[in-house]
Amino acid sequence: MTILHFAMPKTNRVVLTDADRRWLLEFIGRGEAPARAQTRARVLLKADEGPSGPAWSDDRIANALELSSGGVAGIRRRFSKRGTRGTVQRKAPDRTYETKLDGEQEARLIRLACSQAPEGRSEWSLRLLADKMIELGVVESLSHETVRQTLKKTNSSRI
């Protein structure tokens, strides 16, 4: 019994302009970008089906760059949606994060962390700081994790 294998037609073709090719080559040549971004640029260059491109198959690209063929297909798909730069460079997050503490509240937390620890304690714990901020009426609620992140962000020697 003979099993026939048919190559799936490429639904997301990569056809680069000369300007795109130049940008990708410069992007890789600088060597400053993260390795994943450089790999995505290399995939696009190898997958280019334009007149100047080698038009490698997904399997050949995957073997050459030590990726999965699904990963190469994903890069092709991203190219069809976002274009060259949108594929190579990281997408900005869609979400925005609200900060729990504003600048003045952060300053009060830092002052508190640098102050004398409560009676019977040698130093402030994150939970004690959070509880004290609530007790002082600075905030309605505050987690010890927010305290940790704030003190870490400010390079405080208390964390």
N, C-alpha and C. Protein backbone atom coordinates (compact mmCIF):
# COMPACT_ATOMS: atom_id res chain seq x y z
N MET A 1 0.83 -1.17 0.00
CA MET A 1 0.00 0.00 0.00
C MET A 1 0.89 1.25 0.00
N THR A 2 0.61 2.16 -0.88
CA THR A 2 1.39 3.37 -1.02
C THR A 2 0.63 4.53 -0.40
N ILE A 3 1.33 5.28 0.42
CA ILE A 3 0.73 6.46 1.04
C ILE A 3 1.25 7.69 0.31
N LEU A 4 0.36 8.48 -0.16
CA LEU A 4 0.75 9.69 -0.87
C LEU A 4 0.72 10.87 0.09
N HIS A 5 1.75 11.68 0.02
CA HIS A 5 1.81 12.89 0.83
C HIS A 5 1.67 14.09 -0.09
N PHE A 6 0.73 14.92 0.22
CA PHE A 6 0.53 16.13 -0.57
C PHE A 6 0.96 17.32 0.26
N ALA A 7 1.70 18.21 -0.36
CA ALA A 7 2.11 19.43 0.34
C ALA A 7 0.90 20.35 0.42
N MET A 8 0.67 20.86 1.62
CA MET A 8 -0.43 21.81 1.81
C MET A 8 -0.05 23.13 1.15
N PRO A 9 -0.98 23.73 0.44
CA PRO A 9 -0.66 25.03 -0.15
C PRO A 9 -0.48 26.08 0.95
N LYS A 10 0.45 26.97 0.72
CA LYS A 10 0.73 28.01 1.72
C LYS A 10 -0.37 29.05 1.65
N THR A 11 -1.02 29.24 2.76
CA THR A 11 -2.09 30.23 2.79
C THR A 11 -1.56 31.61 3.13
N ASN A 12 -0.45 31.68 3.80
CA ASN A 12 0.13 32.96 4.21
C ASN A 12 1.49 33.11 3.54
N ARG A 13 1.46 33.66 2.36
CA ARG A 13 2.69 33.83 1.59
C ARG A 13 3.46 35.04 2.10
N VAL A 14 4.77 34.93 2.05
CA VAL A 14 5.64 36.04 2.43
C VAL A 14 6.30 36.56 1.17
N VAL A 15 5.96 37.79 0.80
CA VAL A 15 6.58 38.46 -0.34
C VAL A 15 7.09 39.80 0.17
N LEU A 16 8.40 39.92 0.20
CA LEU A 16 9.03 41.12 0.75
C LEU A 16 9.40 42.12 -0.34
N THR A 17 9.28 43.39 -0.03
CA THR A 17 9.77 44.42 -0.93
C THR A 17 11.27 44.56 -0.72
N ASP A 18 11.92 45.26 -1.62
CA ASP A 18 13.36 45.49 -1.46
C ASP A 18 13.63 46.28 -0.18
N ALA A 19 12.75 47.22 0.13
CA ALA A 19 12.92 48.01 1.36
C ALA A 19 12.78 47.12 2.60
N ASP A 20 11.82 46.18 2.56
CA ASP A 20 11.66 45.25 3.68
C ASP A 20 12.90 44.38 3.85
N ARG A 21 13.42 43.87 2.74
CA ARG A 21 14.63 43.02 2.80
C ARG A 21 15.79 43.81 3.39
N ARG A 22 15.98 45.06 2.93
CA ARG A 22 17.08 45.88 3.46
C ARG A 22 16.91 46.10 4.96
N TRP A 23 15.67 46.43 5.38
CA TRP A 23 15.42 46.67 6.80
C TRP A 23 15.72 45.43 7.63
N LEU A 24 15.27 44.26 7.15
CA LEU A 24 15.50 43.01 7.87
C LEU A 24 16.99 42.70 7.98
N LEU A 25 17.72 42.89 6.89
CA LEU A 25 19.16 42.62 6.91
C LEU A 25 19.89 43.57 7.84
N GLU A 26 19.49 44.84 7.86
CA GLU A 26 20.09 45.80 8.79
C GLU A 26 19.73 45.45 10.23
N PHE A 27 18.48 45.05 10.44
CA PHE A 27 18.00 44.67 11.77
C PHE A 27 18.83 43.52 12.33
N ILE A 28 19.07 42.52 11.52
CA ILE A 28 19.89 41.37 11.95
C ILE A 28 21.34 41.78 12.09
N GLY A 29 21.82 42.58 11.15
CA GLY A 29 23.23 42.98 11.13
C GLY A 29 23.66 43.78 12.34
N ARG A 30 22.75 44.58 12.88
CA ARG A 30 23.10 45.38 14.07
C ARG A 30 23.35 44.47 15.26
N GLY A 31 22.64 43.35 15.34
CA GLY A 31 22.86 42.39 16.42
C GLY A 31 22.43 42.88 17.79
N GLU A 32 21.64 43.94 17.85
CA GLU A 32 21.24 44.51 19.13
C GLU A 32 19.88 43.98 19.60
N ALA A 33 19.10 43.45 18.69
CA ALA A 33 17.73 43.02 19.00
C ALA A 33 17.76 41.68 19.75
N PRO A 34 16.69 41.38 20.46
CA PRO A 34 16.60 40.08 21.13
C PRO A 34 16.69 38.94 20.11
N ALA A 35 17.18 37.79 20.57
CA ALA A 35 17.40 36.66 19.68
C ALA A 35 16.11 36.22 18.99
N ARG A 36 14.99 36.24 19.69
CA ARG A 36 13.72 35.82 19.08
C ARG A 36 13.33 36.73 17.93
N ALA A 37 13.54 38.03 18.10
CA ALA A 37 13.22 38.98 17.04
C ALA A 37 14.12 38.74 15.83
N GLN A 38 15.39 38.48 16.08
CA GLN A 38 16.32 38.19 14.98
C GLN A 38 15.92 36.90 14.26
N THR A 39 15.47 35.91 15.01
CA THR A 39 15.04 34.65 14.40
C THR A 39 13.81 34.88 13.52
N ARG A 40 12.86 35.68 13.99
CA ARG A 40 11.68 35.97 13.17
C ARG A 40 12.08 36.68 11.89
N ALA A 41 13.07 37.59 11.98
CA ALA A 41 13.56 38.28 10.79
C ALA A 41 14.20 37.29 9.82
N ARG A 42 14.96 36.34 10.34
CA ARG A 42 15.59 35.33 9.48
C ARG A 42 14.55 34.44 8.80
N VAL A 43 13.49 34.10 9.54
CA VAL A 43 12.41 33.30 8.95
C VAL A 43 11.80 34.04 7.78
N LEU A 44 11.51 35.33 7.95
CA LEU A 44 10.91 36.10 6.87
C LEU A 44 11.83 36.16 5.66
N LEU A 45 13.12 36.33 5.87
CA LEU A 45 14.06 36.38 4.76
C LEU A 45 14.11 35.05 4.00
N LYS A 46 14.09 33.96 4.73
CA LYS A 46 14.14 32.64 4.08
C LYS A 46 12.82 32.27 3.42
N ALA A 47 11.71 32.76 3.96
CA ALA A 47 10.39 32.42 3.44
C ALA A 47 9.97 33.32 2.28
N ASP A 48 10.72 34.36 2.02
CA ASP A 48 10.37 35.34 0.99
C ASP A 48 10.19 34.67 -0.37
N GLU A 49 8.99 34.80 -0.93
CA GLU A 49 8.68 34.21 -2.23
C GLU A 49 8.73 35.25 -3.35
N GLY A 50 9.27 36.42 -3.03
CA GLY A 50 9.41 37.47 -4.03
C GLY A 50 10.55 37.15 -4.99
N PRO A 51 10.81 38.03 -5.95
CA PRO A 51 11.86 37.77 -6.96
C PRO A 51 13.26 37.63 -6.36
N SER A 52 13.53 38.30 -5.23
CA SER A 52 14.86 38.23 -4.61
C SER A 52 14.95 37.18 -3.51
N GLY A 53 13.85 36.54 -3.21
CA GLY A 53 13.83 35.65 -2.06
C GLY A 53 14.09 34.20 -2.41
N PRO A 54 14.59 33.44 -1.42
CA PRO A 54 14.89 32.02 -1.65
C PRO A 54 13.65 31.12 -1.63
N ALA A 55 12.54 31.57 -1.04
CA ALA A 55 11.28 30.81 -0.98
C ALA A 55 11.48 29.40 -0.41
N TRP A 56 12.15 29.32 0.72
CA TRP A 56 12.34 28.02 1.37
C TRP A 56 11.01 27.51 1.91
N SER A 57 10.92 26.20 2.03
CA SER A 57 9.73 25.58 2.62
C SER A 57 9.78 25.76 4.14
N ASP A 58 8.63 25.61 4.79
CA ASP A 58 8.57 25.74 6.25
C ASP A 58 9.47 24.72 6.93
N ASP A 59 9.47 23.49 6.42
CA ASP A 59 10.31 22.44 7.02
C ASP A 59 11.79 22.77 6.89
N ARG A 60 12.19 23.28 5.74
CA ARG A 60 13.61 23.62 5.54
C ARG A 60 14.02 24.77 6.46
N ILE A 61 13.16 25.78 6.58
CA ILE A 61 13.44 26.90 7.49
C ILE A 61 13.52 26.40 8.93
N ALA A 62 12.57 25.55 9.30
CA ALA A 62 12.53 25.02 10.66
C ALA A 62 13.81 24.26 10.98
N ASN A 63 14.28 23.43 10.06
CA ASN A 63 15.51 22.67 10.28
C ASN A 63 16.72 23.60 10.37
N ALA A 64 16.78 24.58 9.49
CA ALA A 64 17.95 25.47 9.45
C ALA A 64 18.03 26.35 10.70
N LEU A 65 16.88 26.80 11.20
CA LEU A 65 16.87 27.74 12.33
C LEU A 65 16.51 27.08 13.66
N GLU A 66 16.39 25.75 13.64
CA GLU A 66 16.06 24.97 14.83
C GLU A 66 14.76 25.43 15.47
N LEU A 67 13.71 25.49 14.64
CA LEU A 67 12.37 25.84 15.07
C LEU A 67 11.44 24.70 14.70
N SER A 68 10.20 24.78 15.15
CA SER A 68 9.19 23.83 14.68
C SER A 68 8.58 24.40 13.41
N SER A 69 8.07 23.52 12.54
CA SER A 69 7.44 24.02 11.32
C SER A 69 6.18 24.81 11.66
N GLY A 70 5.53 24.46 12.79
CA GLY A 70 4.38 25.23 13.25
C GLY A 70 4.76 26.64 13.65
N GLY A 71 5.94 26.77 14.23
CA GLY A 71 6.44 28.10 14.60
C GLY A 71 6.69 28.96 13.37
N VAL A 72 7.23 28.34 12.33
CA VAL A 72 7.46 29.06 11.08
C VAL A 72 6.12 29.47 10.48
N ALA A 73 5.14 28.56 10.50
CA ALA A 73 3.81 28.88 9.98
C ALA A 73 3.18 30.03 10.77
N GLY A 74 3.41 30.06 12.07
CA GLY A 74 2.90 31.15 12.90
C GLY A 74 3.51 32.49 12.52
N ILE A 75 4.79 32.48 12.19
CA ILE A 75 5.46 33.72 11.77
C ILE A 75 4.89 34.18 10.43
N ARG A 76 4.65 33.23 9.52
CA ARG A 76 4.00 33.58 8.24
C ARG A 76 2.63 34.21 8.49
N ARG A 77 1.86 33.59 9.39
CA ARG A 77 0.51 34.08 9.69
C ARG A 77 0.58 35.50 10.28
N ARG A 78 1.53 35.72 11.18
CA ARG A 78 1.70 37.04 11.78
C ARG A 78 2.07 38.07 10.72
N PHE A 79 2.91 37.65 9.76
CA PHE A 79 3.32 38.55 8.68
C PHE A 79 2.10 38.99 7.85
N SER A 80 1.19 38.07 7.59
CA SER A 80 0.02 38.42 6.78
C SER A 80 -0.90 39.40 7.51
N LYS A 81 -0.86 39.41 8.83
CA LYS A 81 -1.71 40.31 9.61
C LYS A 81 -1.02 41.62 9.95
N ARG A 82 0.27 41.58 10.27
CA ARG A 82 0.95 42.75 10.83
C ARG A 82 2.01 43.36 9.93
N GLY A 83 2.42 42.67 8.89
CA GLY A 83 3.49 43.19 8.05
C GLY A 83 4.86 42.86 8.62
N THR A 84 5.88 43.41 7.99
CA THR A 84 7.26 43.06 8.34
C THR A 84 7.64 43.48 9.75
N ARG A 85 7.54 44.75 10.04
CA ARG A 85 7.97 45.24 11.36
C ARG A 85 7.08 44.71 12.48
N GLY A 86 5.80 44.59 12.22
CA GLY A 86 4.88 44.07 13.22
C GLY A 86 5.14 42.61 13.54
N THR A 87 5.71 41.88 12.61
CA THR A 87 6.05 40.48 12.84
C THR A 87 7.33 40.36 13.64
N VAL A 88 8.30 41.16 13.30
CA VAL A 88 9.62 41.03 13.91
C VAL A 88 9.65 41.64 15.31
N GLN A 89 9.10 42.83 15.45
CA GLN A 89 9.17 43.51 16.73
C GLN A 89 8.01 43.10 17.62
N ARG A 90 8.25 43.15 18.89
CA ARG A 90 7.26 42.71 19.86
C ARG A 90 6.06 43.65 19.90
N LYS A 91 4.90 43.08 20.00
CA LYS A 91 3.66 43.85 20.04
C LYS A 91 3.49 44.42 21.45
N ALA A 92 3.05 45.67 21.52
CA ALA A 92 2.79 46.30 22.81
C ALA A 92 1.57 45.62 23.45
N PRO A 93 1.58 45.47 24.77
CA PRO A 93 0.44 44.82 25.41
C PRO A 93 -0.85 45.62 25.21
N ASP A 94 -1.96 44.90 25.08
CA ASP A 94 -3.26 45.54 24.90
C ASP A 94 -3.80 46.08 26.21
N ARG A 95 -3.35 45.52 27.31
CA ARG A 95 -3.88 45.90 28.61
C ARG A 95 -3.13 47.09 29.19
N THR A 96 -3.82 47.83 30.01
CA THR A 96 -3.17 48.87 30.79
C THR A 96 -3.34 48.50 32.26
N TYR A 97 -2.34 48.78 33.03
CA TYR A 97 -2.37 48.41 34.43
C TYR A 97 -2.50 49.66 35.29
N GLU A 98 -3.44 49.62 36.20
CA GLU A 98 -3.59 50.73 37.14
C GLU A 98 -2.63 50.50 38.30
N THR A 99 -2.00 51.58 38.72
CA THR A 99 -1.11 51.44 39.88
C THR A 99 -1.94 51.65 41.14
N LYS A 100 -1.63 50.89 42.13
CA LYS A 100 -2.37 50.96 43.40
C LYS A 100 -2.00 52.23 44.17
N LEU A 101 -0.75 52.62 44.07
CA LEU A 101 -0.27 53.78 44.83
C LEU A 101 0.15 54.90 43.88
N ASP A 102 -0.21 56.13 44.22
CA ASP A 102 0.30 57.26 43.45
C ASP A 102 1.66 57.68 44.03
N GLY A 103 2.25 58.71 43.48
CA GLY A 103 3.59 59.13 43.91
C GLY A 103 3.67 59.52 45.37
N GLU A 104 2.67 60.25 45.87
CA GLU A 104 2.69 60.68 47.26
C GLU A 104 2.53 59.48 48.20
N GLN A 105 1.66 58.55 47.83
CA GLN A 105 1.46 57.35 48.66
C GLN A 105 2.72 56.49 48.66
N GLU A 106 3.39 56.39 47.52
CA GLU A 106 4.66 55.65 47.47
C GLU A 106 5.68 56.30 48.39
N ALA A 107 5.75 57.63 48.37
CA ALA A 107 6.70 58.35 49.24
C ALA A 107 6.41 58.07 50.70
N ARG A 108 5.13 58.05 51.07
CA ARG A 108 4.77 57.75 52.47
C ARG A 108 5.16 56.33 52.85
N LEU A 109 4.98 55.39 51.90
CA LEU A 109 5.38 54.00 52.15
C LEU A 109 6.89 53.90 52.37
N ILE A 110 7.64 54.59 51.57
CA ILE A 110 9.10 54.55 51.69
C ILE A 110 9.55 55.18 53.01
N ARG A 111 8.93 56.31 53.36
CA ARG A 111 9.25 56.94 54.65
C ARG A 111 8.95 55.98 55.80
N LEU A 112 7.82 55.32 55.71
CA LEU A 112 7.43 54.37 56.74
C LEU A 112 8.41 53.21 56.81
N ALA A 113 8.80 52.69 55.66
CA ALA A 113 9.74 51.56 55.62
C ALA A 113 11.11 51.93 56.19
N CYS A 114 11.48 53.19 56.04
CA CYS A 114 12.77 53.65 56.55
C CYS A 114 12.71 54.09 58.02
N SER A 115 11.52 54.14 58.57
CA SER A 115 11.36 54.57 59.96
C SER A 115 11.66 53.41 60.92
N GLN A 116 11.65 53.74 62.19
CA GLN A 116 11.88 52.74 63.23
C GLN A 116 10.78 51.68 63.17
N ALA A 117 11.18 50.41 63.26
CA ALA A 117 10.21 49.30 63.24
C ALA A 117 9.35 49.34 64.50
N PRO A 118 8.16 48.75 64.46
CA PRO A 118 7.28 48.76 65.63
C PRO A 118 7.91 48.04 66.83
N GLU A 119 7.38 48.35 67.99
CA GLU A 119 7.85 47.75 69.25
C GLU A 119 7.86 46.23 69.13
N GLY A 120 8.95 45.62 69.53
CA GLY A 120 9.07 44.17 69.52
C GLY A 120 9.54 43.60 68.19
N ARG A 121 9.83 44.44 67.21
CA ARG A 121 10.29 43.99 65.89
C ARG A 121 11.63 44.63 65.58
N SER A 122 12.48 43.87 64.94
CA SER A 122 13.77 44.44 64.56
C SER A 122 13.68 45.20 63.24
N GLU A 123 12.72 44.81 62.39
CA GLU A 123 12.52 45.50 61.12
C GLU A 123 11.08 45.32 60.66
N TRP A 124 10.69 46.13 59.67
CA TRP A 124 9.35 46.06 59.11
C TRP A 124 9.22 44.83 58.21
N SER A 125 8.10 44.15 58.29
CA SER A 125 7.79 43.11 57.29
C SER A 125 6.88 43.75 56.25
N LEU A 126 6.75 43.12 55.10
CA LEU A 126 5.88 43.65 54.05
C LEU A 126 4.43 43.73 54.53
N ARG A 127 4.00 42.70 55.24
CA ARG A 127 2.62 42.68 55.74
C ARG A 127 2.39 43.77 56.79
N LEU A 128 3.39 43.98 57.66
CA LEU A 128 3.26 45.05 58.66
C LEU A 128 3.16 46.42 57.99
N LEU A 129 3.97 46.63 56.95
CA LEU A 129 3.92 47.89 56.23
C LEU A 129 2.55 48.10 55.58
N ALA A 130 2.02 47.05 54.95
CA ALA A 130 0.71 47.16 54.31
C ALA A 130 -0.36 47.48 55.35
N ASP A 131 -0.33 46.78 56.47
CA ASP A 131 -1.32 47.01 57.52
C ASP A 131 -1.21 48.43 58.09
N LYS A 132 0.01 48.92 58.27
CA LYS A 132 0.22 50.26 58.84
C LYS A 132 -0.27 51.34 57.88
N MET A 133 -0.07 51.13 56.57
CA MET A 133 -0.55 52.10 55.58
C MET A 133 -2.07 52.20 55.62
N ILE A 134 -2.74 51.09 55.84
CA ILE A 134 -4.20 51.08 55.96
C ILE A 134 -4.61 51.77 57.26
N GLU A 135 -3.89 51.43 58.34
CA GLU A 135 -4.19 52.00 59.65
C GLU A 135 -4.04 53.52 59.65
N LEU A 136 -3.04 54.01 58.94
CA LEU A 136 -2.80 55.46 58.87
C LEU A 136 -3.78 56.16 57.93
N GLY A 137 -4.58 55.40 57.21
CA GLY A 137 -5.57 55.99 56.31
C GLY A 137 -5.00 56.46 54.99
N VAL A 138 -3.81 56.00 54.65
CA VAL A 138 -3.20 56.38 53.38
C VAL A 138 -3.95 55.72 52.22
N VAL A 139 -4.32 54.46 52.40
CA VAL A 139 -5.07 53.71 51.40
C VAL A 139 -6.16 52.90 52.10
N GLU A 140 -7.17 52.48 51.34
CA GLU A 140 -8.22 51.66 51.91
C GLU A 140 -7.79 50.20 52.02
N SER A 141 -7.04 49.73 51.02
CA SER A 141 -6.53 48.36 51.04
C SER A 141 -5.18 48.34 50.34
N LEU A 142 -4.35 47.41 50.77
CA LEU A 142 -3.01 47.31 50.20
C LEU A 142 -2.46 45.92 50.49
N SER A 143 -1.96 45.27 49.46
CA SER A 143 -1.41 43.93 49.67
C SER A 143 0.10 44.02 49.92
N HIS A 144 0.61 43.00 50.57
CA HIS A 144 2.05 42.97 50.82
C HIS A 144 2.83 42.89 49.51
N GLU A 145 2.22 42.30 48.48
CA GLU A 145 2.89 42.19 47.17
C GLU A 145 3.06 43.57 46.54
N THR A 146 2.06 44.44 46.69
CA THR A 146 2.18 45.81 46.18
C THR A 146 3.29 46.54 46.93
N VAL A 147 3.38 46.32 48.22
CA VAL A 147 4.45 46.91 49.02
C VAL A 147 5.80 46.43 48.51
N ARG A 148 5.90 45.14 48.26
CA ARG A 148 7.17 44.56 47.77
C ARG A 148 7.56 45.18 46.43
N GLN A 149 6.61 45.24 45.50
CA GLN A 149 6.91 45.77 44.18
C GLN A 149 7.30 47.25 44.24
N THR A 150 6.63 47.99 45.10
CA THR A 150 6.94 49.42 45.23
C THR A 150 8.34 49.62 45.80
N LEU A 151 8.67 48.88 46.84
CA LEU A 151 10.00 49.03 47.44
C LEU A 151 11.08 48.52 46.49
N LYS A 152 10.79 47.49 45.72
CA LYS A 152 11.76 46.97 44.76
C LYS A 152 11.99 48.00 43.66
N LYS A 153 10.91 48.61 43.19
CA LYS A 153 10.98 49.60 42.11
C LYS A 153 11.82 50.80 42.53
N THR A 154 11.79 51.15 43.79
CA THR A 154 12.51 52.32 44.26
C THR A 154 13.92 51.99 44.74
N ASN A 155 14.33 50.73 44.54
CA ASN A 155 15.67 50.29 44.97
C ASN A 155 15.89 50.52 46.45
N SER A 156 14.85 50.33 47.23
CA SER A 156 14.96 50.52 48.67
C SER A 156 15.82 49.42 49.27
N SER A 157 16.63 49.78 50.23
CA SER A 157 17.46 48.77 50.89
C SER A 157 16.64 47.92 51.83
N ARG A 158 15.35 48.24 51.98
CA ARG A 158 14.46 47.49 52.88
C ARG A 158 13.97 46.20 52.23
N ILE A 159 14.20 46.03 50.96
CA ILE A 159 13.74 44.81 50.30
C ILE A 159 14.87 44.17 49.52
